[in-house]
Amino acid sequence: MANRISAGEMEYAGILAKLSLTPEEQKEAGKDLEQMLNYIDKLNELNTEDIEPMFHVFPVCNVFRNDEARPYEGGRNKILENAPEKREGRFVVPKTVE
């Protein structure tokens, strides 16, 4: 089934997408849209009745480690080693509120 996109439909699609297209751009976009719709029609012809739905084309599993709480052994001084400025065991940051 060949899909035909009229100039009016392309103009309306441009309005919905908030695009200002020249007539030449509308013509090109219309051709592209027709090709996409024809391809979708072609895909719809495939028999997918015995195909199991999937989330991803490759089997995906969680590769992260388990999130386990554990105490930090470094201490306050270890944390403050990389601070650009510190005072009395605390980070010094610029004032943001008057």
N, C-alpha and C. Protein backbone atom coordinates (compact mmCIF):
# COMPACT_ATOMS: atom_id res chain seq x y z
N MET A 1 0.85 -1.18 0.00
CA MET A 1 0.00 0.00 0.00
C MET A 1 0.90 1.24 0.00
N ALA A 2 0.76 2.04 -1.01
CA ALA A 2 1.58 3.25 -1.12
C ALA A 2 0.92 4.38 -0.33
N ASN A 3 1.69 4.97 0.53
CA ASN A 3 1.20 6.09 1.32
C ASN A 3 1.52 7.39 0.59
N ARG A 4 0.54 8.25 0.49
CA ARG A 4 0.74 9.55 -0.14
C ARG A 4 0.47 10.63 0.89
N ILE A 5 1.40 11.54 1.03
CA ILE A 5 1.27 12.65 1.95
C ILE A 5 1.00 13.90 1.13
N SER A 6 -0.12 14.55 1.40
CA SER A 6 -0.47 15.75 0.64
C SER A 6 0.31 16.95 1.18
N ALA A 7 0.36 18.00 0.40
CA ALA A 7 1.03 19.24 0.81
C ALA A 7 0.36 19.81 2.05
N GLY A 8 -0.96 19.69 2.13
CA GLY A 8 -1.68 20.18 3.29
C GLY A 8 -1.32 19.41 4.55
N GLU A 9 -1.19 18.09 4.41
CA GLU A 9 -0.80 17.28 5.56
C GLU A 9 0.62 17.62 6.02
N MET A 10 1.52 17.87 5.07
CA MET A 10 2.88 18.24 5.44
C MET A 10 2.91 19.60 6.11
N GLU A 11 2.10 20.52 5.62
CA GLU A 11 2.05 21.84 6.24
C GLU A 11 1.52 21.72 7.67
N TYR A 12 0.49 20.89 7.87
CA TYR A 12 -0.08 20.68 9.19
C TYR A 12 0.95 20.02 10.11
N ALA A 13 1.68 19.03 9.61
CA ALA A 13 2.71 18.37 10.42
C ALA A 13 3.79 19.37 10.81
N GLY A 14 4.14 20.27 9.91
CA GLY A 14 5.12 21.30 10.21
C GLY A 14 4.63 22.24 11.30
N ILE A 15 3.35 22.56 11.26
CA ILE A 15 2.77 23.43 12.30
C ILE A 15 2.81 22.72 13.64
N LEU A 16 2.42 21.43 13.68
CA LEU A 16 2.43 20.68 14.92
C LEU A 16 3.84 20.55 15.49
N ALA A 17 4.83 20.41 14.59
CA ALA A 17 6.22 20.28 15.03
C ALA A 17 6.88 21.63 15.24
N LYS A 18 6.13 22.70 15.02
CA LYS A 18 6.63 24.07 15.15
C LYS A 18 7.86 24.30 14.25
N LEU A 19 7.73 23.84 13.01
CA LEU A 19 8.79 24.02 12.01
C LEU A 19 8.28 24.96 10.93
N SER A 20 9.14 25.83 10.47
CA SER A 20 8.77 26.65 9.31
C SER A 20 9.57 26.12 8.13
N LEU A 21 8.88 25.36 7.28
CA LEU A 21 9.53 24.72 6.14
C LEU A 21 9.18 25.44 4.85
N THR A 22 10.17 25.55 3.99
CA THR A 22 9.91 26.10 2.66
C THR A 22 9.14 25.04 1.87
N PRO A 23 8.49 25.42 0.78
CA PRO A 23 7.77 24.43 -0.03
C PRO A 23 8.68 23.28 -0.48
N GLU A 24 9.94 23.59 -0.80
CA GLU A 24 10.88 22.54 -1.22
C GLU A 24 11.19 21.59 -0.06
N GLU A 25 11.36 22.15 1.13
CA GLU A 25 11.62 21.32 2.31
C GLU A 25 10.41 20.46 2.66
N GLN A 26 9.21 21.03 2.47
CA GLN A 26 7.99 20.25 2.71
C GLN A 26 7.92 19.08 1.75
N LYS A 27 8.28 19.32 0.50
CA LYS A 27 8.24 18.27 -0.51
C LYS A 27 9.20 17.13 -0.15
N GLU A 28 10.44 17.50 0.24
CA GLU A 28 11.45 16.51 0.63
C GLU A 28 11.02 15.75 1.88
N ALA A 29 10.53 16.47 2.88
CA ALA A 29 10.08 15.84 4.12
C ALA A 29 8.89 14.91 3.84
N GLY A 30 8.02 15.31 2.93
CA GLY A 30 6.88 14.47 2.55
C GLY A 30 7.34 13.16 1.93
N LYS A 31 8.35 13.24 1.06
CA LYS A 31 8.89 12.01 0.45
C LYS A 31 9.48 11.09 1.51
N ASP A 32 10.23 11.69 2.45
CA ASP A 32 10.83 10.89 3.52
C ASP A 32 9.76 10.24 4.38
N LEU A 33 8.72 10.99 4.70
CA LEU A 33 7.64 10.46 5.53
C LEU A 33 6.91 9.34 4.80
N GLU A 34 6.69 9.50 3.50
CA GLU A 34 6.06 8.44 2.71
C GLU A 34 6.89 7.17 2.75
N GLN A 35 8.21 7.30 2.63
CA GLN A 35 9.09 6.13 2.68
C GLN A 35 9.00 5.44 4.04
N MET A 36 8.96 6.24 5.10
CA MET A 36 8.86 5.66 6.45
C MET A 36 7.55 4.91 6.62
N LEU A 37 6.45 5.52 6.19
CA LEU A 37 5.15 4.87 6.32
C LEU A 37 5.06 3.60 5.48
N ASN A 38 5.65 3.62 4.29
CA ASN A 38 5.67 2.42 3.45
C ASN A 38 6.47 1.31 4.12
N TYR A 39 7.58 1.66 4.75
CA TYR A 39 8.39 0.66 5.44
C TYR A 39 7.63 0.08 6.63
N ILE A 40 6.91 0.92 7.36
CA ILE A 40 6.10 0.43 8.48
C ILE A 40 5.04 -0.52 7.98
N ASP A 41 4.41 -0.20 6.86
CA ASP A 41 3.41 -1.11 6.27
C ASP A 41 4.05 -2.44 5.92
N LYS A 42 5.25 -2.40 5.39
CA LYS A 42 5.96 -3.62 5.03
C LYS A 42 6.26 -4.46 6.28
N LEU A 43 6.66 -3.80 7.37
CA LEU A 43 6.92 -4.51 8.62
C LEU A 43 5.64 -5.11 9.19
N ASN A 44 4.52 -4.43 9.00
CA ASN A 44 3.25 -4.94 9.52
C ASN A 44 2.79 -6.20 8.79
N GLU A 45 3.35 -6.47 7.63
CA GLU A 45 3.00 -7.68 6.88
C GLU A 45 3.64 -8.93 7.49
N LEU A 46 4.68 -8.76 8.30
CA LEU A 46 5.38 -9.90 8.89
C LEU A 46 4.50 -10.61 9.91
N ASN A 47 4.61 -11.93 9.94
CA ASN A 47 3.88 -12.73 10.90
C ASN A 47 4.70 -12.78 12.19
N THR A 48 4.22 -12.13 13.22
CA THR A 48 4.93 -12.09 14.50
C THR A 48 4.15 -12.81 15.59
N GLU A 49 3.24 -13.67 15.19
CA GLU A 49 2.37 -14.33 16.15
C GLU A 49 3.14 -15.20 17.13
N ASP A 50 4.16 -15.94 16.68
CA ASP A 50 4.91 -16.83 17.55
C ASP A 50 6.19 -16.20 18.08
N ILE A 51 6.35 -14.89 17.91
CA ILE A 51 7.55 -14.20 18.36
C ILE A 51 7.30 -13.65 19.76
N GLU A 52 8.21 -13.98 20.68
CA GLU A 52 8.07 -13.52 22.05
C GLU A 52 8.53 -12.06 22.15
N PRO A 53 7.78 -11.20 22.83
CA PRO A 53 8.20 -9.80 22.98
C PRO A 53 9.53 -9.72 23.73
N MET A 54 10.31 -8.69 23.39
CA MET A 54 11.58 -8.52 24.08
C MET A 54 11.83 -7.04 24.36
N PHE A 55 12.68 -6.78 25.32
CA PHE A 55 13.03 -5.41 25.68
C PHE A 55 14.26 -4.95 24.93
N HIS A 56 15.13 -5.88 24.57
CA HIS A 56 16.40 -5.54 23.94
C HIS A 56 16.78 -6.68 23.02
N VAL A 57 17.52 -6.39 21.97
CA VAL A 57 17.90 -7.44 21.03
C VAL A 57 18.93 -8.40 21.61
N PHE A 58 19.68 -7.97 22.60
CA PHE A 58 20.65 -8.82 23.27
C PHE A 58 20.16 -9.12 24.67
N PRO A 59 20.51 -10.30 25.20
CA PRO A 59 20.12 -10.57 26.58
C PRO A 59 20.85 -9.60 27.51
N VAL A 60 20.10 -8.92 28.35
CA VAL A 60 20.68 -7.91 29.22
C VAL A 60 20.46 -8.34 30.67
N CYS A 61 21.53 -8.25 31.45
CA CYS A 61 21.39 -8.52 32.87
C CYS A 61 22.13 -7.44 33.64
N ASN A 62 21.79 -7.28 34.89
CA ASN A 62 22.41 -6.26 35.71
C ASN A 62 23.86 -6.66 35.99
N VAL A 63 24.79 -5.79 35.63
CA VAL A 63 26.20 -6.08 35.82
C VAL A 63 26.78 -5.33 37.02
N PHE A 64 25.94 -4.66 37.78
CA PHE A 64 26.40 -3.91 38.94
C PHE A 64 26.52 -4.81 40.16
N ARG A 65 27.37 -4.42 41.06
CA ARG A 65 27.51 -5.16 42.31
C ARG A 65 26.30 -4.86 43.20
N ASN A 66 26.08 -5.71 44.17
CA ASN A 66 25.01 -5.45 45.14
C ASN A 66 25.37 -4.22 45.95
N ASP A 67 24.38 -3.43 46.28
CA ASP A 67 24.58 -2.22 47.05
C ASP A 67 24.57 -2.59 48.53
N GLU A 68 25.74 -2.60 49.13
CA GLU A 68 25.85 -2.98 50.53
C GLU A 68 26.45 -1.82 51.31
N ALA A 69 25.80 -1.44 52.39
CA ALA A 69 26.31 -0.36 53.24
C ALA A 69 27.50 -0.88 54.02
N ARG A 70 28.55 -0.06 54.10
CA ARG A 70 29.71 -0.42 54.90
C ARG A 70 30.35 0.87 55.42
N PRO A 71 30.96 0.81 56.56
CA PRO A 71 31.54 2.03 57.14
C PRO A 71 32.75 2.50 56.35
N TYR A 72 32.95 3.83 56.33
CA TYR A 72 34.11 4.41 55.67
C TYR A 72 35.26 4.41 56.67
N GLU A 73 36.40 3.89 56.26
CA GLU A 73 37.52 3.72 57.16
C GLU A 73 38.55 4.84 57.02
N GLY A 74 38.33 5.80 56.11
CA GLY A 74 39.35 6.80 55.84
C GLY A 74 39.43 7.92 56.86
N GLY A 75 38.35 8.24 57.50
CA GLY A 75 38.33 9.31 58.47
C GLY A 75 38.17 10.68 57.82
N ARG A 76 37.88 11.67 58.65
CA ARG A 76 37.61 13.03 58.18
C ARG A 76 38.79 13.63 57.44
N ASN A 77 40.00 13.46 57.96
CA ASN A 77 41.18 14.06 57.32
C ASN A 77 41.41 13.50 55.92
N LYS A 78 41.14 12.24 55.73
CA LYS A 78 41.29 11.62 54.40
C LYS A 78 40.31 12.26 53.42
N ILE A 79 39.10 12.53 53.86
CA ILE A 79 38.08 13.14 53.00
C ILE A 79 38.50 14.57 52.63
N LEU A 80 39.06 15.29 53.59
CA LEU A 80 39.42 16.70 53.37
C LEU A 80 40.73 16.89 52.61
N GLU A 81 41.48 15.82 52.35
CA GLU A 81 42.77 15.95 51.65
C GLU A 81 42.63 16.66 50.31
N ASN A 82 41.58 16.42 49.57
CA ASN A 82 41.41 16.99 48.23
C ASN A 82 40.61 18.28 48.22
N ALA A 83 40.23 18.76 49.38
CA ALA A 83 39.44 20.00 49.43
C ALA A 83 40.32 21.19 49.03
N PRO A 84 39.84 22.06 48.15
CA PRO A 84 40.63 23.22 47.77
C PRO A 84 40.86 24.17 48.94
N GLU A 85 39.87 24.24 49.85
CA GLU A 85 40.02 25.08 51.03
C GLU A 85 39.25 24.44 52.17
N LYS A 86 39.88 24.41 53.34
CA LYS A 86 39.24 23.81 54.51
C LYS A 86 39.57 24.63 55.75
N ARG A 87 38.69 24.58 56.74
CA ARG A 87 38.90 25.31 57.98
C ARG A 87 38.22 24.53 59.11
N GLU A 88 38.95 24.28 60.17
CA GLU A 88 38.44 23.60 61.36
C GLU A 88 37.76 22.27 61.02
N GLY A 89 38.38 21.51 60.11
CA GLY A 89 37.86 20.19 59.76
C GLY A 89 36.61 20.20 58.89
N ARG A 90 36.39 21.32 58.19
CA ARG A 90 35.21 21.42 57.32
C ARG A 90 35.59 22.01 55.98
N PHE A 91 34.78 21.76 54.95
CA PHE A 91 34.96 22.36 53.64
C PHE A 91 34.61 23.84 53.72
N VAL A 92 35.37 24.68 53.03
CA VAL A 92 35.03 26.09 52.91
C VAL A 92 34.49 26.30 51.50
N VAL A 93 33.28 26.85 51.43
CA VAL A 93 32.64 27.07 50.12
C VAL A 93 32.22 28.52 50.02
N PRO A 94 32.04 29.03 48.79
CA PRO A 94 31.61 30.42 48.64
C PRO A 94 30.19 30.62 49.21
N LYS A 95 29.96 31.80 49.74
CA LYS A 95 28.65 32.14 50.26
C LYS A 95 27.68 32.32 49.08
N THR A 96 26.51 31.70 49.18
CA THR A 96 25.54 31.77 48.08
C THR A 96 24.28 32.53 48.47
N VAL A 97 24.04 32.72 49.76
CA VAL A 97 22.82 33.39 50.21
C VAL A 97 23.22 34.59 51.04
N GLU A 98 22.59 35.72 50.78
CA GLU A 98 22.87 36.95 51.56
C GLU A 98 22.12 36.92 52.85
